[in-house]
Amino acid sequence: MKLKILYLLIAFFVAGLPINAEDFKVDTNNTKFNVYSGMFDFSDDGKRSTLIGLQHQNVDLNKDTFLGNLSPITGALITSDNAAYFYTGVQAQYSIGALNVIPSFTPGIYEQGDGKDLGHIIEFKSEVQLSLDLPKDSQFGFSYNHLSNASLGDKNPGANSYMFNFLKKF
């Protein structure tokens, strides 16, 4: 049953992707990197650990949808307990002056290492980031995310994390 749910989620995700390259807006090769560090699973005293991560976004590869302008992101994080999460998904950016609200959703692969057992290798990260524009195409922000396996595994404890972010467009 859980495998069927996973296939259904993947089918919905793939169905929302553009069919051909003309559906994407591509102007230049601008990319944005997000370097972040914070606390993995801050709400669990037993498995709390520091984390560091890197995320890539091609800011010109985007698509207008009913949710706003979406663009793909890819990244990875590692904790001080050698747990790792590799992900790819989508994010939107809504700007209010110099303040940016950036929600994202990214399915990925989780490796426990010596860290918390999240119950499954496939995990889903829901995140919201608040950032301020800085000079020279940079941003500084704070983000919160939740990792969950959507009950694909026998257990689904989840993990809540917060990070400080530095974003730079190249």
C-alpha atoms as a PDB file:
ATOM      1  CA  MET A   1       0.000   0.000   0.000  1.00  0.00           C
ATOM      2  CA  LYS A   2       2.818   2.415   0.922  1.00  0.00           C
ATOM      3  CA  LEU A   3       4.580   1.712  -2.362  1.00  0.00           C
ATOM      4  CA  LYS A   4       1.381   2.544  -4.257  1.00  0.00           C
ATOM      5  CA  ILE A   5       1.179   5.881  -2.409  1.00  0.00           C
ATOM      6  CA  LEU A   6       4.782   6.621  -3.364  1.00  0.00           C
ATOM      7  CA  TYR A   7       4.065   5.825  -7.031  1.00  0.00           C
ATOM      8  CA  LEU A   8       1.011   8.070  -6.904  1.00  0.00           C
ATOM      9  CA  LEU A   9       3.030  10.965  -5.438  1.00  0.00           C
ATOM     10  CA  ILE A  10       5.721  10.540  -8.086  1.00  0.00           C
ATOM     11  CA  ALA A  11       3.074  10.424 -10.838  1.00  0.00           C
ATOM     12  CA  PHE A  12       1.512  13.683  -9.616  1.00  0.00           C
ATOM     13  CA  PHE A  13       4.954  15.307  -9.427  1.00  0.00           C
ATOM     14  CA  VAL A  14       5.923  14.171 -12.934  1.00  0.00           C
ATOM     15  CA  ALA A  15       2.523  15.168 -14.366  1.00  0.00           C
ATOM     16  CA  GLY A  16       3.134  18.737 -13.192  1.00  0.00           C
ATOM     17  CA  LEU A  17       6.457  18.979 -15.013  1.00  0.00           C
ATOM     18  CA  PRO A  18       6.585  20.648 -18.429  1.00  0.00           C
ATOM     19  CA  ILE A  19       6.525  18.308 -21.399  1.00  0.00           C
ATOM     20  CA  ASN A  20       9.031  20.188 -23.525  1.00  0.00           C
ATOM     21  CA  ALA A  21      11.803  22.717 -23.088  1.00  0.00           C
ATOM     22  CA  GLU A  22       9.730  25.588 -24.529  1.00  0.00           C
ATOM     23  CA  ASP A  23       7.567  25.513 -21.382  1.00  0.00           C
ATOM     24  CA  PHE A  24      10.526  26.843 -19.388  1.00  0.00           C
ATOM     25  CA  LYS A  25      11.749  30.426 -19.478  1.00  0.00           C
ATOM     26  CA  VAL A  26      15.503  30.372 -20.013  1.00  0.00           C
ATOM     27  CA  ASP A  27      17.261  33.696 -20.545  1.00  0.00           C
ATOM     28  CA  THR A  28      20.820  33.297 -19.262  1.00  0.00           C
ATOM     29  CA  ASN A  29      22.901  30.963 -17.147  1.00  0.00           C
ATOM     30  CA  ASN A  30      22.323  32.723 -13.816  1.00  0.00           C
ATOM     31  CA  THR A  31      22.622  30.464 -10.804  1.00  0.00           C
ATOM     32  CA  LYS A  32      22.058  31.034  -7.122  1.00  0.00           C
ATOM     33  CA  PHE A  33      23.849  29.129  -4.386  1.00  0.00           C
ATOM     34  CA  ASN A  34      22.545  28.892  -0.839  1.00  0.00           C
ATOM     35  CA  VAL A  35      25.054  27.943   1.859  1.00  0.00           C
ATOM     36  CA  TYR A  36      23.394  27.217   5.175  1.00  0.00           C
ATOM     37  CA  SER A  37      24.113  25.962   8.674  1.00  0.00           C
ATOM     38  CA  GLY A  38      21.935  25.344  11.685  1.00  0.00           C
ATOM     39  CA  MET A  39      20.425  22.757  14.010  1.00  0.00           C
ATOM     40  CA  PHE A  40      19.026  19.436  12.731  1.00  0.00           C
ATOM     41  CA  ASP A  41      16.044  18.127  14.713  1.00  0.00           C
ATOM     42  CA  PHE A  42      16.232  20.851  17.361  1.00  0.00           C
ATOM     43  CA  SER A  43      13.034  19.525  19.000  1.00  0.00           C
ATOM     44  CA  ASP A  44      14.581  16.125  19.882  1.00  0.00           C
ATOM     45  CA  ASP A  45      17.103  16.481  22.730  1.00  0.00           C
ATOM     46  CA  GLY A  46      18.531  12.996  22.086  1.00  0.00           C
ATOM     47  CA  LYS A  47      19.274  13.342  18.366  1.00  0.00           C
ATOM     48  CA  ARG A  48      19.834  17.081  17.939  1.00  0.00           C
ATOM     49  CA  SER A  49      22.933  17.870  15.866  1.00  0.00           C
ATOM     50  CA  THR A  50      24.448  20.687  13.851  1.00  0.00           C
ATOM     51  CA  LEU A  51      24.138  20.672  10.085  1.00  0.00           C
ATOM     52  CA  ILE A  52      25.687  22.303   7.055  1.00  0.00           C
ATOM     53  CA  GLY A  53      24.324  22.312   3.528  1.00  0.00           C
ATOM     54  CA  LEU A  54      24.527  23.643   0.003  1.00  0.00           C
ATOM     55  CA  GLN A  55      21.671  24.269  -2.421  1.00  0.00           C
ATOM     56  CA  HIS A  56      21.702  25.239  -6.104  1.00  0.00           C
ATOM     57  CA  GLN A  57      19.036  27.074  -8.079  1.00  0.00           C
ATOM     58  CA  ASN A  58      19.048  28.203 -11.702  1.00  0.00           C
ATOM     59  CA  VAL A  59      17.073  31.448 -11.281  1.00  0.00           C
ATOM     60  CA  ASP A  60      16.278  31.693 -14.989  1.00  0.00           C
ATOM     61  CA  LEU A  61      14.891  28.157 -15.245  1.00  0.00           C
ATOM     62  CA  ASN A  62      11.372  28.774 -13.962  1.00  0.00           C
ATOM     63  CA  LYS A  63       7.711  28.311 -14.789  1.00  0.00           C
ATOM     64  CA  ASP A  64       4.641  30.415 -14.027  1.00  0.00           C
ATOM     65  CA  THR A  65       1.949  28.322 -12.308  1.00  0.00           C
ATOM     66  CA  PHE A  66      -1.166  28.932 -10.241  1.00  0.00           C
ATOM     67  CA  LEU A  67       1.147  28.818  -7.175  1.00  0.00           C
ATOM     68  CA  GLY A  68       3.351  31.604  -8.546  1.00  0.00           C
ATOM     69  CA  ASN A  69       6.695  31.382 -10.270  1.00  0.00           C
ATOM     70  CA  LEU A  70       8.346  28.022  -9.474  1.00  0.00           C
ATOM     71  CA  SER A  71      11.953  27.045 -10.078  1.00  0.00           C
ATOM     72  CA  PRO A  72      13.868  23.804  -9.496  1.00  0.00           C
ATOM     73  CA  ILE A  73      16.349  23.418  -6.650  1.00  0.00           C
ATOM     74  CA  THR A  74      18.862  20.700  -5.801  1.00  0.00           C
ATOM     75  CA  GLY A  75      20.938  20.343  -2.670  1.00  0.00           C
ATOM     76  CA  ALA A  76      22.422  18.306   0.130  1.00  0.00           C
ATOM     77  CA  LEU A  77      22.974  18.583   3.849  1.00  0.00           C
ATOM     78  CA  ILE A  78      25.068  16.649   6.324  1.00  0.00           C
ATOM     79  CA  THR A  79      24.847  16.620  10.108  1.00  0.00           C
ATOM     80  CA  SER A  80      27.559  16.290  12.734  1.00  0.00           C
ATOM     81  CA  ASP A  81      26.214  12.740  13.296  1.00  0.00           C
ATOM     82  CA  ASN A  82      26.983  11.881   9.634  1.00  0.00           C
ATOM     83  CA  ALA A  83      23.319  11.782   8.618  1.00  0.00           C
ATOM     84  CA  ALA A  84      22.863  13.082   5.069  1.00  0.00           C
ATOM     85  CA  TYR A  85      19.956  14.223   2.913  1.00  0.00           C
ATOM     86  CA  PHE A  86      20.181  14.680  -0.875  1.00  0.00           C
ATOM     87  CA  TYR A  87      17.194  16.364  -2.488  1.00  0.00           C
ATOM     88  CA  THR A  88      15.665  17.976  -5.534  1.00  0.00           C
ATOM     89  CA  GLY A  89      12.364  19.781  -5.843  1.00  0.00           C
ATOM     90  CA  VAL A  90      10.760  23.161  -6.396  1.00  0.00           C
ATOM     91  CA  GLN A  91      10.598  26.512  -4.673  1.00  0.00           C
ATOM     92  CA  ALA A  92       8.709  29.751  -5.128  1.00  0.00           C
ATOM     93  CA  GLN A  93       9.821  33.248  -4.162  1.00  0.00           C
ATOM     94  CA  TYR A  94       7.489  36.028  -3.101  1.00  0.00           C
ATOM     95  CA  SER A  95       9.061  39.451  -2.524  1.00  0.00           C
ATOM     96  CA  ILE A  96       7.748  42.248  -0.337  1.00  0.00           C
ATOM     97  CA  GLY A  97      10.267  45.024  -0.886  1.00  0.00           C
ATOM     98  CA  ALA A  98      13.635  43.721   0.370  1.00  0.00           C
ATOM     99  CA  LEU A  99      11.992  40.819   2.254  1.00  0.00           C
ATOM    100  CA  ASN A 100      11.672  37.463   0.472  1.00  0.00           C
ATOM    101  CA  VAL A 101       9.387  34.612   1.508  1.00  0.00           C
ATOM    102  CA  ILE A 102      10.607  31.379  -0.080  1.00  0.00           C
ATOM    103  CA  PRO A 103       8.588  28.174   0.434  1.00  0.00           C
ATOM    104  CA  SER A 104       9.888  24.915  -1.021  1.00  0.00           C
ATOM    105  CA  PHE A 105       9.083  21.222  -1.280  1.00  0.00           C
ATOM    106  CA  THR A 106      11.818  18.673  -1.992  1.00  0.00           C
ATOM    107  CA  PRO A 107      11.636  14.876  -2.028  1.00  0.00           C
ATOM    108  CA  GLY A 108      14.979  13.252  -1.333  1.00  0.00           C
ATOM    109  CA  ILE A 109      17.120  10.400  -0.099  1.00  0.00           C
ATOM    110  CA  TYR A 110      18.054  10.237   3.602  1.00  0.00           C
ATOM    111  CA  GLU A 111      21.026   8.322   5.000  1.00  0.00           C
ATOM    112  CA  GLN A 112      20.876   7.906   8.788  1.00  0.00           C
ATOM    113  CA  GLY A 113      24.605   7.599   9.524  1.00  0.00           C
ATOM    114  CA  ASP A 114      24.946   7.859  13.327  1.00  0.00           C
ATOM    115  CA  GLY A 115      21.987  10.269  13.434  1.00  0.00           C
ATOM    116  CA  LYS A 116      18.261   9.938  13.893  1.00  0.00           C
ATOM    117  CA  ASP A 117      16.355   7.048  12.328  1.00  0.00           C
ATOM    118  CA  LEU A 118      13.601   8.773  10.325  1.00  0.00           C
ATOM    119  CA  GLY A 119      11.981   5.470   9.344  1.00  0.00           C
ATOM    120  CA  HIS A 120      12.613   5.383   5.589  1.00  0.00           C
ATOM    121  CA  ILE A 121      15.225   6.205   2.939  1.00  0.00           C
ATOM    122  CA  ILE A 122      12.728   8.473   1.100  1.00  0.00           C
ATOM    123  CA  GLU A 123      11.944  11.675   2.982  1.00  0.00           C
ATOM    124  CA  PHE A 124      10.081  14.844   2.030  1.00  0.00           C
ATOM    125  CA  LYS A 125      11.306  18.288   3.111  1.00  0.00           C
ATOM    126  CA  SER A 126       8.873  21.178   3.463  1.00  0.00           C
ATOM    127  CA  GLU A 127      10.625  24.471   4.140  1.00  0.00           C
ATOM    128  CA  VAL A 128       9.951  28.168   4.470  1.00  0.00           C
ATOM    129  CA  GLN A 129      12.727  30.746   4.336  1.00  0.00           C
ATOM    130  CA  LEU A 130      12.678  34.446   5.131  1.00  0.00           C
ATOM    131  CA  SER A 131      15.551  36.429   3.646  1.00  0.00           C
ATOM    132  CA  LEU A 132      16.619  40.031   3.165  1.00  0.00           C
ATOM    133  CA  ASP A 133      18.179  41.371  -0.004  1.00  0.00           C
ATOM    134  CA  LEU A 134      21.791  42.511   0.377  1.00  0.00           C
ATOM    135  CA  PRO A 135      23.990  44.397  -2.101  1.00  0.00           C
ATOM    136  CA  LYS A 136      25.700  42.573  -4.980  1.00  0.00           C
ATOM    137  CA  ASP A 137      22.946  39.973  -5.647  1.00  0.00           C
ATOM    138  CA  SER A 138      23.144  38.455  -2.164  1.00  0.00           C
ATOM    139  CA  GLN A 139      20.613  37.571   0.533  1.00  0.00           C
ATOM    140  CA  PHE A 140      20.814  36.649   4.211  1.00  0.00           C
ATOM    141  CA  GLY A 141      18.031  34.601   5.738  1.00  0.00           C
ATOM    142  CA  PHE A 142      16.584  32.237   8.275  1.00  0.00           C
ATOM    143  CA  SER A 143      14.700  29.049   7.403  1.00  0.00           C
ATOM    144  CA  TYR A 144      12.715  26.306   9.091  1.00  0.00           C
ATOM    145  CA  ASN A 145      12.037  22.866   7.635  1.00  0.00           C
ATOM    146  CA  HIS A 146      10.364  19.600   8.468  1.00  0.00           C
ATOM    147  CA  LEU A 147      11.520  16.209   7.155  1.00  0.00           C
ATOM    148  CA  SER A 148       8.952  13.411   7.045  1.00  0.00           C
ATOM    149  CA  ASN A 149       8.519  10.138   5.186  1.00  0.00           C
ATOM    150  CA  ALA A 150       4.726  10.621   4.839  1.00  0.00           C
ATOM    151  CA  SER A 151       4.240   7.280   6.641  1.00  0.00           C
ATOM    152  CA  LEU A 152       6.108   5.290   3.961  1.00  0.00           C
ATOM    153  CA  GLY A 153       8.049   3.569   6.741  1.00  0.00           C
ATOM    154  CA  ASP A 154       6.932   1.631   9.815  1.00  0.00           C
ATOM    155  CA  LYS A 155       7.660   4.742  11.833  1.00  0.00           C
ATOM    156  CA  ASN A 156       7.613   8.429  10.956  1.00  0.00           C
ATOM    157  CA  PRO A 157       9.181  10.508  13.738  1.00  0.00           C
ATOM    158  CA  GLY A 158      10.075  13.439  11.467  1.00  0.00           C
ATOM    159  CA  ALA A 159      12.734  16.057  12.145  1.00  0.00           C
ATOM    160  CA  ASN A 160      12.416  19.838  12.597  1.00  0.00           C
ATOM    161  CA  SER A 161      15.412  21.986  11.722  1.00  0.00           C
ATOM    162  CA  TYR A 162      16.361  25.645  11.525  1.00  0.00           C
ATOM    163  CA  MET A 163      19.146  27.223   9.496  1.00  0.00           C
ATOM    164  CA  PHE A 164      20.840  30.521   8.785  1.00  0.00           C
ATOM    165  CA  ASN A 165      21.271  31.039   5.038  1.00  0.00           C
ATOM    166  CA  PHE A 166      23.573  33.041   2.812  1.00  0.00           C
ATOM    167  CA  LEU A 167      22.447  33.188  -0.827  1.00  0.00           C
ATOM    168  CA  LYS A 168      24.563  34.523  -3.685  1.00  0.00           C
ATOM    169  CA  LYS A 169      23.625  34.875  -7.350  1.00  0.00           C
ATOM    170  CA  PHE A 170      26.394  34.295  -9.925  1.00  0.00           C
END
